[in-house]
């Protein structure tokens, strides 16, 4: 549940990648085992309440997740270049248009 601020949330499922915008008062349920990414898109801090139905919680970055996924799968499913996936392995930060920032 979003308590304050504005956020863009992208959810990665087997069927599709979807992006949604949220404001205070909105509620989102992310399906089990689906990767997701949240970005602050407003001028104030995003505050939210997260509830997990699991005794264990792990958090890691999207860059880490993509870096351990076989490169051919990342390229095929996200329509990105080989340069993009190589940058993940080298710890560089790729940006949305596929351009790699050193």
PDB file of N, CA and C in Angstrom:
ATOM      1  N   UNK A   1       0.846  -1.169   0.000  1.00  0.00           N
ATOM      2  CA  UNK A   1       0.000   0.000   0.000  1.00  0.00           C
ATOM      3  C   UNK A   1       0.894   1.235   0.000  1.00  0.00           C
ATOM      4  N   UNK A   2       0.601   2.157  -0.868  1.00  0.00           N
ATOM      5  CA  UNK A   2       1.389   3.380  -0.984  1.00  0.00           C
ATOM      6  C   UNK A   2       0.829   4.423  -0.019  1.00  0.00           C
ATOM      7  N   UNK A   3       1.704   4.938   0.844  1.00  0.00           N
ATOM      8  CA  UNK A   3       1.288   5.884   1.873  1.00  0.00           C
ATOM      9  C   UNK A   3       1.522   7.337   1.466  1.00  0.00           C
ATOM     10  N   UNK A   4       2.585   7.588   0.704  1.00  0.00           N
ATOM     11  CA  UNK A   4       2.855   8.948   0.223  1.00  0.00           C
ATOM     12  C   UNK A   4       3.738   8.878  -1.011  1.00  0.00           C
ATOM     13  N   UNK A   5       3.753   9.976  -1.763  1.00  0.00           N
ATOM     14  CA  UNK A   5       4.594  10.055  -2.954  1.00  0.00           C
ATOM     15  C   UNK A   5       3.941   9.451  -4.180  1.00  0.00           C
ATOM     16  N   UNK A   6       4.726   9.423  -5.250  1.00  0.00           N
ATOM     17  CA  UNK A   6       4.283   8.846  -6.530  1.00  0.00           C
ATOM     18  C   UNK A   6       5.353   7.864  -6.986  1.00  0.00           C
ATOM     19  N   UNK A   7       4.932   6.681  -7.429  1.00  0.00           N
ATOM     20  CA  UNK A   7       5.893   5.658  -7.841  1.00  0.00           C
ATOM     21  C   UNK A   7       5.449   5.002  -9.131  1.00  0.00           C
ATOM     22  N   UNK A   8       6.449   4.612  -9.910  1.00  0.00           N
ATOM     23  CA  UNK A   8       6.212   3.789 -11.097  1.00  0.00           C
ATOM     24  C   UNK A   8       6.721   2.403 -10.739  1.00  0.00           C
ATOM     25  N   UNK A   9       5.888   1.381 -10.958  1.00  0.00           N
ATOM     26  CA  UNK A   9       6.256   0.004 -10.626  1.00  0.00           C
ATOM     27  C   UNK A   9       6.182  -0.838 -11.891  1.00  0.00           C
ATOM     28  N   UNK A  10       7.256  -1.554 -12.175  1.00  0.00           N
ATOM     29  CA  UNK A  10       7.290  -2.477 -13.305  1.00  0.00           C
ATOM     30  C   UNK A  10       7.365  -3.884 -12.747  1.00  0.00           C
ATOM     31  N   UNK A  11       6.492  -4.769 -13.249  1.00  0.00           N
ATOM     32  CA  UNK A  11       6.432  -6.157 -12.802  1.00  0.00           C
ATOM     33  C   UNK A  11       6.783  -7.054 -13.977  1.00  0.00           C
ATOM     34  N   UNK A  12       7.700  -8.000 -13.749  1.00  0.00           N
ATOM     35  CA  UNK A  12       8.138  -8.938 -14.772  1.00  0.00           C
ATOM     36  C   UNK A  12       7.479 -10.288 -14.511  1.00  0.00           C
ATOM     37  N   UNK A  13       6.605 -10.713 -15.412  1.00  0.00           N
ATOM     38  CA  UNK A  13       5.981 -12.029 -15.294  1.00  0.00           C
ATOM     39  C   UNK A  13       6.391 -12.864 -16.497  1.00  0.00           C
ATOM     40  N   UNK A  14       6.041 -14.127 -16.481  1.00  0.00           N
ATOM     41  CA  UNK A  14       6.344 -15.000 -17.608  1.00  0.00           C
ATOM     42  C   UNK A  14       5.593 -14.527 -18.855  1.00  0.00           C
ATOM     43  N   UNK A  15       4.374 -14.044 -18.668  1.00  0.00           N
ATOM     44  CA  UNK A  15       3.544 -13.624 -19.800  1.00  0.00           C
ATOM     45  C   UNK A  15       3.909 -12.257 -20.367  1.00  0.00           C
ATOM     46  N   UNK A  16       4.286 -11.307 -19.489  1.00  0.00           N
ATOM     47  CA  UNK A  16       4.504  -9.939 -19.970  1.00  0.00           C
ATOM     48  C   UNK A  16       5.243  -9.107 -18.926  1.00  0.00           C
ATOM     49  N   UNK A  17       5.682  -7.940 -19.356  1.00  0.00           N
ATOM     50  CA  UNK A  17       6.235  -6.934 -18.458  1.00  0.00           C
ATOM     51  C   UNK A  17       5.248  -5.779 -18.469  1.00  0.00           C
ATOM     52  N   UNK A  18       4.801  -5.383 -17.303  1.00  0.00           N
ATOM     53  CA  UNK A  18       3.799  -4.322 -17.202  1.00  0.00           C
ATOM     54  C   UNK A  18       4.283  -3.243 -16.238  1.00  0.00           C
ATOM     55  N   UNK A  19       3.923  -1.986 -16.542  1.00  0.00           N
ATOM     56  CA  UNK A  19       4.306  -0.852 -15.710  1.00  0.00           C
ATOM     57  C   UNK A  19       3.047  -0.092 -15.296  1.00  0.00           C
ATOM     58  N   UNK A  20       3.014   0.299 -14.020  1.00  0.00           N
ATOM     59  CA  UNK A  20       1.873   1.000 -13.451  1.00  0.00           C
ATOM     60  C   UNK A  20       2.371   2.191 -12.644  1.00  0.00           C
ATOM     61  N   UNK A  21       1.542   3.232 -12.555  1.00  0.00           N
ATOM     62  CA  UNK A  21       1.847   4.385 -11.713  1.00  0.00           C
ATOM     63  C   UNK A  21       0.956   4.341 -10.478  1.00  0.00           C
ATOM     64  N   UNK A  22       1.528   4.716  -9.314  1.00  0.00           N
ATOM     65  CA  UNK A  22       0.803   4.673  -8.053  1.00  0.00           C
ATOM     66  C   UNK A  22       0.964   5.976  -7.292  1.00  0.00           C
ATOM     67  N   UNK A  23      -0.078   6.316  -6.519  1.00  0.00           N
ATOM     68  CA  UNK A  23      -0.047   7.468  -5.621  1.00  0.00           C
ATOM     69  C   UNK A  23      -0.534   7.002  -4.251  1.00  0.00           C
ATOM     70  N   UNK A  24      -0.438   7.890  -3.266  1.00  0.00           N
ATOM     71  CA  UNK A  24      -0.873   7.557  -1.907  1.00  0.00           C
ATOM     72  C   UNK A  24      -2.294   7.007  -1.918  1.00  0.00           C
ATOM     73  N   UNK A  25      -2.493   5.912  -1.187  1.00  0.00           N
ATOM     74  CA  UNK A  25      -3.802   5.274  -1.098  1.00  0.00           C
ATOM     75  C   UNK A  25      -3.974   4.097  -2.043  1.00  0.00           C
ATOM     76  N   UNK A  26      -3.100   3.978  -3.041  1.00  0.00           N
ATOM     77  CA  UNK A  26      -3.195   2.861  -3.991  1.00  0.00           C
ATOM     78  C   UNK A  26      -2.642   1.585  -3.356  1.00  0.00           C
ATOM     79  N   UNK A  27      -3.152   0.466  -3.821  1.00  0.00           N
ATOM     80  CA  UNK A  27      -2.746  -0.840  -3.327  1.00  0.00           C
ATOM     81  C   UNK A  27      -2.297  -1.686  -4.511  1.00  0.00           C
ATOM     82  N   UNK A  28      -1.248  -2.464  -4.314  1.00  0.00           N
ATOM     83  CA  UNK A  28      -0.751  -3.344  -5.375  1.00  0.00           C
ATOM     84  C   UNK A  28      -0.407  -4.697  -4.782  1.00  0.00           C
ATOM     85  N   UNK A  29      -0.776  -5.748  -5.499  1.00  0.00           N
ATOM     86  CA  UNK A  29      -0.386  -7.099  -5.116  1.00  0.00           C
ATOM     87  C   UNK A  29       0.517  -7.621  -6.228  1.00  0.00           C
ATOM     88  N   UNK A  30       1.738  -7.977  -5.867  1.00  0.00           N
ATOM     89  CA  UNK A  30       2.685  -8.509  -6.843  1.00  0.00           C
ATOM     90  C   UNK A  30       2.649 -10.028  -6.740  1.00  0.00           C
ATOM     91  N   UNK A  31       2.386 -10.712  -7.858  1.00  0.00           N
ATOM     92  CA  UNK A  31       2.318 -12.176  -7.814  1.00  0.00           C
ATOM     93  C   UNK A  31       3.621 -12.797  -7.307  1.00  0.00           C
ATOM     94  N   UNK A  32       3.485 -13.911  -6.651  1.00  0.00           N
ATOM     95  CA  UNK A  32       4.631 -14.651  -6.105  1.00  0.00           C
ATOM     96  C   UNK A  32       5.648 -14.948  -7.206  1.00  0.00           C
ATOM     97  N   UNK A  33       6.917 -14.829  -6.870  1.00  0.00           N
ATOM     98  CA  UNK A  33       8.039 -15.143  -7.758  1.00  0.00           C
ATOM     99  C   UNK A  33       8.130 -14.252  -8.990  1.00  0.00           C
ATOM    100  N   UNK A  34       7.553 -13.065  -8.927  1.00  0.00           N
ATOM    101  CA  UNK A  34       7.664 -12.122 -10.038  1.00  0.00           C
ATOM    102  C   UNK A  34       8.626 -11.004  -9.655  1.00  0.00           C
ATOM    103  N   UNK A  35       9.590 -10.775 -10.510  1.00  0.00           N
ATOM    104  CA  UNK A  35      10.498  -9.666 -10.272  1.00  0.00           C
ATOM    105  C   UNK A  35       9.757  -8.355 -10.440  1.00  0.00           C
ATOM    106  N   UNK A  36      10.205  -7.339  -9.737  1.00  0.00           N
ATOM    107  CA  UNK A  36       9.575  -6.033  -9.871  1.00  0.00           C
ATOM    108  C   UNK A  36      10.577  -4.937  -9.533  1.00  0.00           C
ATOM    109  N   UNK A  37      10.275  -3.751 -10.019  1.00  0.00           N
ATOM    110  CA  UNK A  37      11.150  -2.600  -9.862  1.00  0.00           C
ATOM    111  C   UNK A  37      10.279  -1.394  -9.544  1.00  0.00           C
ATOM    112  N   UNK A  38      10.682  -0.603  -8.550  1.00  0.00           N
ATOM    113  CA  UNK A  38       9.936   0.592  -8.182  1.00  0.00           C
ATOM    114  C   UNK A  38      10.813   1.820  -8.347  1.00  0.00           C
ATOM    115  N   UNK A  39      10.219   2.881  -8.878  1.00  0.00           N
ATOM    116  CA  UNK A  39      10.954   4.126  -9.114  1.00  0.00           C
ATOM    117  C   UNK A  39      10.126   5.305  -8.620  1.00  0.00           C
ATOM    118  N   UNK A  40      10.761   6.193  -7.878  1.00  0.00           N
ATOM    119  CA  UNK A  40      10.100   7.413  -7.421  1.00  0.00           C
ATOM    120  C   UNK A  40       9.941   8.343  -8.615  1.00  0.00           C
ATOM    121  N   UNK A  41       8.712   8.748  -8.936  1.00  0.00           N
ATOM    122  CA  UNK A  41       8.480   9.634 -10.080  1.00  0.00           C
ATOM    123  C   UNK A  41       7.914  10.984  -9.653  1.00  0.00           C
ATOM    124  N   UNK A  42       7.938  11.257  -8.353  1.00  0.00           N
ATOM    125  CA  UNK A  42       7.416  12.515  -7.847  1.00  0.00           C
ATOM    126  C   UNK A  42       8.477  13.327  -7.142  1.00  0.00           C
ATOM    127  N   UNK A  43       8.036  14.413  -6.534  1.00  0.00           N
ATOM    128  CA  UNK A  43       8.945  15.313  -5.852  1.00  0.00           C
ATOM    129  C   UNK A  43       9.112  15.034  -4.374  1.00  0.00           C
ATOM    130  N   UNK A  44       8.421  14.024  -3.848  1.00  0.00           N
ATOM    131  CA  UNK A  44       8.551  13.703  -2.433  1.00  0.00           C
ATOM    132  C   UNK A  44       8.934  12.237  -2.242  1.00  0.00           C
ATOM    133  N   UNK A  45       9.330  11.902  -1.044  1.00  0.00           N
ATOM    134  CA  UNK A  45       9.727  10.539  -0.718  1.00  0.00           C
ATOM    135  C   UNK A  45       8.533   9.590  -0.861  1.00  0.00           C
ATOM    136  N   UNK A  46       8.772   8.428  -1.433  1.00  0.00           N
ATOM    137  CA  UNK A  46       7.736   7.398  -1.510  1.00  0.00           C
ATOM    138  C   UNK A  46       7.777   6.593  -0.220  1.00  0.00           C
ATOM    139  N   UNK A  47       6.640   6.494   0.434  1.00  0.00           N
ATOM    140  CA  UNK A  47       6.504   5.645   1.609  1.00  0.00           C
ATOM    141  C   UNK A  47       5.450   4.599   1.297  1.00  0.00           C
ATOM    142  N   UNK A  48       5.746   3.361   1.681  1.00  0.00           N
ATOM    143  CA  UNK A  48       4.788   2.296   1.422  1.00  0.00           C
ATOM    144  C   UNK A  48       4.878   1.235   2.496  1.00  0.00           C
ATOM    145  N   UNK A  49       3.817   0.490   2.605  1.00  0.00           N
ATOM    146  CA  UNK A  49       3.735  -0.608   3.545  1.00  0.00           C
ATOM    147  C   UNK A  49       3.785  -1.896   2.738  1.00  0.00           C
ATOM    148  N   UNK A  50       4.750  -2.768   3.068  1.00  0.00           N
ATOM    149  CA  UNK A  50       4.883  -4.049   2.375  1.00  0.00           C
ATOM    150  C   UNK A  50       4.563  -5.175   3.354  1.00  0.00           C
ATOM    151  N   UNK A  51       3.788  -6.129   2.899  1.00  0.00           N
ATOM    152  CA  UNK A  51       3.449  -7.294   3.711  1.00  0.00           C
ATOM    153  C   UNK A  51       3.806  -8.534   2.908  1.00  0.00           C
ATOM    154  N   UNK A  52       4.544  -9.439   3.533  1.00  0.00           N
ATOM    155  CA  UNK A  52       4.991 -10.655   2.864  1.00  0.00           C
ATOM    156  C   UNK A  52       4.411 -11.875   3.559  1.00  0.00           C
ATOM    157  N   UNK A  53       4.027 -12.861   2.769  1.00  0.00           N
ATOM    158  CA  UNK A  53       3.520 -14.120   3.313  1.00  0.00           C
ATOM    159  C   UNK A  53       4.643 -15.146   3.307  1.00  0.00           C
ATOM    160  N   UNK A  54       5.783 -14.761   3.797  1.00  0.00           N
ATOM    161  CA  UNK A  54       6.940 -15.635   3.787  1.00  0.00           C
ATOM    162  C   UNK A  54       7.808 -15.315   4.996  1.00  0.00           C
ATOM    163  N   UNK A  55       8.396 -16.323   5.618  1.00  0.00           N
ATOM    164  CA  UNK A  55       9.280 -16.053   6.745  1.00  0.00           C
ATOM    165  C   UNK A  55      10.641 -15.506   6.299  1.00  0.00           C
ATOM    166  N   UNK A  56      10.920 -15.561   4.976  1.00  0.00           N
ATOM    167  CA  UNK A  56      12.207 -15.115   4.456  1.00  0.00           C
ATOM    168  C   UNK A  56      11.989 -14.051   3.387  1.00  0.00           C
ATOM    169  N   UNK A  57      12.785 -12.994   3.453  1.00  0.00           N
ATOM    170  CA  UNK A  57      12.707 -11.918   2.469  1.00  0.00           C
ATOM    171  C   UNK A  57      14.102 -11.646   1.935  1.00  0.00           C
ATOM    172  N   UNK A  58      14.246 -11.620   0.620  1.00  0.00           N
ATOM    173  CA  UNK A  58      15.515 -11.280  -0.019  1.00  0.00           C
ATOM    174  C   UNK A  58      15.285 -10.106  -0.952  1.00  0.00           C
ATOM    175  N   UNK A  59      16.209  -9.173  -0.943  1.00  0.00           N
ATOM    176  CA  UNK A  59      16.131  -8.029  -1.844  1.00  0.00           C
ATOM    177  C   UNK A  59      17.430  -7.932  -2.620  1.00  0.00           C
ATOM    178  N   UNK A  60      17.344  -7.717  -3.919  1.00  0.00           N
ATOM    179  CA  UNK A  60      18.519  -7.506  -4.742  1.00  0.00           C
ATOM    180  C   UNK A  60      18.125  -6.610  -5.892  1.00  0.00           C
ATOM    181  N   UNK A  61      19.113  -5.994  -6.510  1.00  0.00           N
ATOM    182  CA  UNK A  61      18.832  -5.018  -7.557  1.00  0.00           C
ATOM    183  C   UNK A  61      18.466  -5.699  -8.873  1.00  0.00           C
ATOM    184  N   UNK A  62      17.784  -4.957  -9.712  1.00  0.00           N
ATOM    185  CA  UNK A  62      17.439  -5.448 -11.045  1.00  0.00           C
ATOM    186  C   UNK A  62      18.707  -5.763 -11.825  1.00  0.00           C
ATOM    187  N   UNK A  63      19.731  -4.931 -11.667  1.00  0.00           N
ATOM    188  CA  UNK A  63      21.000  -5.170 -12.344  1.00  0.00           C
ATOM    189  C   UNK A  63      21.589  -6.525 -11.927  1.00  0.00           C
ATOM    190  N   UNK A  64      21.540  -6.831 -10.612  1.00  0.00           N
ATOM    191  CA  UNK A  64      22.042  -8.126 -10.135  1.00  0.00           C
ATOM    192  C   UNK A  64      21.227  -9.276 -10.721  1.00  0.00           C
ATOM    193  N   UNK A  65      19.929  -9.115 -10.727  1.00  0.00           N
ATOM    194  CA  UNK A  65      19.041 -10.161 -11.223  1.00  0.00           C
ATOM    195  C   UNK A  65      19.324 -10.457 -12.693  1.00  0.00           C
ATOM    196  N   UNK A  66      19.429  -9.395 -13.496  1.00  0.00           N
ATOM    197  CA  UNK A  66      19.695  -9.580 -14.924  1.00  0.00           C
ATOM    198  C   UNK A  66      21.099 -10.137 -15.164  1.00  0.00           C
ATOM    199  N   UNK A  67      22.054  -9.739 -14.328  1.00  0.00           N
ATOM    200  CA  UNK A  67      23.434 -10.194 -14.511  1.00  0.00           C
ATOM    201  C   UNK A  67      23.591 -11.692 -14.295  1.00  0.00           C
ATOM    202  N   UNK A  68      22.744 -12.302 -13.488  1.00  0.00           N
ATOM    203  CA  UNK A  68      22.844 -13.744 -13.248  1.00  0.00           C
ATOM    204  C   UNK A  68      21.901 -14.556 -14.137  1.00  0.00           C
ATOM    205  N   UNK A  69      21.130 -13.878 -14.966  1.00  0.00           N
ATOM    206  CA  UNK A  69      20.260 -14.552 -15.932  1.00  0.00           C
ATOM    207  C   UNK A  69      21.062 -14.787 -17.207  1.00  0.00           C
ATOM    208  N   UNK A  70      20.937 -15.958 -17.839  1.00  0.00           N
ATOM    209  CA  UNK A  70      21.702 -16.194 -19.070  1.00  0.00           C
ATOM    210  C   UNK A  70      21.503 -15.062 -20.079  1.00  0.00           C
ATOM    211  N   UNK A  71      22.612 -14.520 -20.607  1.00  0.00           N
ATOM    212  CA  UNK A  71      22.533 -13.352 -21.497  1.00  0.00           C
ATOM    213  C   UNK A  71      21.579 -13.526 -22.678  1.00  0.00           C
ATOM    214  N   UNK A  72      21.542 -14.719 -23.273  1.00  0.00           N
ATOM    215  CA  UNK A  72      20.662 -14.899 -24.434  1.00  0.00           C
ATOM    216  C   UNK A  72      19.190 -14.754 -24.050  1.00  0.00           C
ATOM    217  N   UNK A  73      18.841 -15.093 -22.821  1.00  0.00           N
ATOM    218  CA  UNK A  73      17.455 -14.931 -22.372  1.00  0.00           C
ATOM    219  C   UNK A  73      17.120 -13.460 -22.141  1.00  0.00           C
ATOM    220  N   UNK A  74      18.056 -12.727 -21.528  1.00  0.00           N
ATOM    221  CA  UNK A  74      17.843 -11.293 -21.311  1.00  0.00           C
ATOM    222  C   UNK A  74      17.683 -10.589 -22.654  1.00  0.00           C
ATOM    223  N   UNK A  75      18.555 -10.904 -23.609  1.00  0.00           N
ATOM    224  CA  UNK A  75      18.499 -10.266 -24.929  1.00  0.00           C
ATOM    225  C   UNK A  75      17.183 -10.580 -25.640  1.00  0.00           C
ATOM    226  N   UNK A  76      16.771 -11.829 -25.614  1.00  0.00           N
ATOM    227  CA  UNK A  76      15.565 -12.247 -26.324  1.00  0.00           C
ATOM    228  C   UNK A  76      14.291 -11.680 -25.706  1.00  0.00           C
ATOM    229  N   UNK A  77      14.219 -11.690 -24.386  1.00  0.00           N
ATOM    230  CA  UNK A  77      12.975 -11.305 -23.726  1.00  0.00           C
ATOM    231  C   UNK A  77      12.839  -9.813 -23.485  1.00  0.00           C
ATOM    232  N   UNK A  78      13.957  -9.114 -23.355  1.00  0.00           N
ATOM    233  CA  UNK A  78      13.895  -7.671 -23.124  1.00  0.00           C
ATOM    234  C   UNK A  78      14.270  -6.863 -24.361  1.00  0.00           C
ATOM    235  N   UNK A  79      14.602  -7.577 -25.449  1.00  0.00           N
ATOM    236  CA  UNK A  79      14.964  -6.925 -26.706  1.00  0.00           C
ATOM    237  C   UNK A  79      16.094  -5.916 -26.503  1.00  0.00           C
ATOM    238  N   UNK A  80      17.183  -6.368 -25.861  1.00  0.00           N
ATOM    239  CA  UNK A  80      18.355  -5.525 -25.640  1.00  0.00           C
ATOM    240  C   UNK A  80      19.558  -6.126 -26.361  1.00  0.00           C
ATOM    241  N   UNK A  81      20.574  -5.324 -26.504  1.00  0.00           N
ATOM    242  CA  UNK A  81      21.761  -5.728 -27.257  1.00  0.00           C
ATOM    243  C   UNK A  81      22.702  -6.600 -26.431  1.00  0.00           C
ATOM    244  N   UNK A  82      23.647  -7.219 -27.125  1.00  0.00           N
ATOM    245  CA  UNK A  82      24.694  -7.987 -26.452  1.00  0.00           C
ATOM    246  C   UNK A  82      25.551  -7.053 -25.590  1.00  0.00           C
ATOM    247  N   UNK A  83      25.771  -5.832 -26.076  1.00  0.00           N
ATOM    248  CA  UNK A  83      26.533  -4.841 -25.317  1.00  0.00           C
ATOM    249  C   UNK A  83      25.867  -4.572 -23.961  1.00  0.00           C
ATOM    250  N   UNK A  84      24.549  -4.515 -23.962  1.00  0.00           N
ATOM    251  CA  UNK A  84      23.791  -4.296 -22.739  1.00  0.00           C
ATOM    252  C   UNK A  84      24.060  -5.404 -21.729  1.00  0.00           C
ATOM    253  N   UNK A  85      23.964  -6.664 -22.170  1.00  0.00           N
ATOM    254  CA  UNK A  85      24.156  -7.786 -21.243  1.00  0.00           C
ATOM    255  C   UNK A  85      25.622  -7.905 -20.817  1.00  0.00           C
ATOM    256  N   UNK A  86      26.553  -7.554 -21.674  1.00  0.00           N
ATOM    257  CA  UNK A  86      27.962  -7.569 -21.283  1.00  0.00           C
ATOM    258  C   UNK A  86      28.233  -6.523 -20.209  1.00  0.00           C
ATOM    259  N   UNK A  87      27.559  -5.388 -20.293  1.00  0.00           N
ATOM    260  CA  UNK A  87      27.731  -4.334 -19.299  1.00  0.00           C
ATOM    261  C   UNK A  87      27.230  -4.784 -17.934  1.00  0.00           C
ATOM    262  N   UNK A  88      26.211  -5.611 -17.902  1.00  0.00           N
ATOM    263  CA  UNK A  88      25.715  -6.128 -16.631  1.00  0.00           C
ATOM    264  C   UNK A  88      26.804  -6.938 -15.940  1.00  0.00           C
ATOM    265  N   UNK A  89      27.481  -7.786 -16.697  1.00  0.00           N
ATOM    266  CA  UNK A  89      28.533  -8.628 -16.132  1.00  0.00           C
ATOM    267  C   UNK A  89      29.698  -7.806 -15.608  1.00  0.00           C
ATOM    268  N   UNK A  90      29.951  -6.663 -16.211  1.00  0.00           N
ATOM    269  CA  UNK A  90      31.085  -5.831 -15.820  1.00  0.00           C
ATOM    270  C   UNK A  90      30.717  -4.818 -14.745  1.00  0.00           C
ATOM    271  N   UNK A  91      29.469  -4.859 -14.281  1.00  0.00           N
ATOM    272  CA  UNK A  91      29.054  -3.948 -13.223  1.00  0.00           C
ATOM    273  C   UNK A  91      28.735  -2.552 -13.693  1.00  0.00           C
ATOM    274  N   UNK A  92      28.647  -2.335 -15.012  1.00  0.00           N
ATOM    275  CA  UNK A  92      28.259  -1.031 -15.524  1.00  0.00           C
ATOM    276  C   UNK A  92      26.749  -0.881 -15.370  1.00  0.00           C
ATOM    277  N   UNK A  93      26.271   0.335 -15.464  1.00  0.00           N
ATOM    278  CA  UNK A  93      24.845   0.582 -15.325  1.00  0.00           C
ATOM    279  C   UNK A  93      24.216   0.825 -16.690  1.00  0.00           C
ATOM    280  N   UNK A  94      23.417  -0.107 -17.194  1.00  0.00           N
ATOM    281  CA  UNK A  94      22.731   0.135 -18.465  1.00  0.00           C
ATOM    282  C   UNK A  94      21.542   1.075 -18.256  1.00  0.00           C
ATOM    283  N   UNK A  95      21.173   1.812 -19.283  1.00  0.00           N
ATOM    284  CA  UNK A  95      19.997   2.678 -19.174  1.00  0.00           C
ATOM    285  C   UNK A  95      18.932   2.196 -20.142  1.00  0.00           C
ATOM    286  N   UNK A  96      17.758   2.760 -20.082  1.00  0.00           N
ATOM    287  CA  UNK A  96      16.576   2.226 -20.757  1.00  0.00           C
ATOM    288  C   UNK A  96      16.696   2.044 -22.268  1.00  0.00           C
ATOM    289  N   UNK A  97      17.349   2.935 -22.945  1.00  0.00           N
ATOM    290  CA  UNK A  97      17.388   2.825 -24.414  1.00  0.00           C
ATOM    291  C   UNK A  97      18.434   1.853 -24.894  1.00  0.00           C
ATOM    292  N   UNK A  98      19.061   1.126 -23.977  1.00  0.00           N
ATOM    293  CA  UNK A  98      20.073   0.147 -24.354  1.00  0.00           C
ATOM    294  C   UNK A  98      21.475   0.714 -24.419  1.00  0.00           C
ATOM    295  N   UNK A  99      21.609   2.017 -24.214  1.00  0.00           N
ATOM    296  CA  UNK A  99      22.919   2.652 -24.185  1.00  0.00           C
ATOM    297  C   UNK A  99      23.587   2.329 -22.857  1.00  0.00           C
ATOM    298  N   UNK A 100      24.864   2.005 -22.885  1.00  0.00           N
ATOM    299  CA  UNK A 100      25.579   1.622 -21.676  1.00  0.00           C
ATOM    300  C   UNK A 100      26.355   2.807 -21.136  1.00  0.00           C
ATOM    301  N   UNK A 101      26.213   3.054 -19.845  1.00  0.00           N
ATOM    302  CA  UNK A 101      26.956   4.112 -19.173  1.00  0.00           C
ATOM    303  C   UNK A 101      28.096   3.477 -18.393  1.00  0.00           C
ATOM    304  N   UNK A 102      29.345   3.893 -18.622  1.00  0.00           N
ATOM    305  CA  UNK A 102      30.477   3.286 -17.899  1.00  0.00           C
ATOM    306  C   UNK A 102      30.432   3.571 -16.403  1.00  0.00           C
TER     307      UNK A 102
END
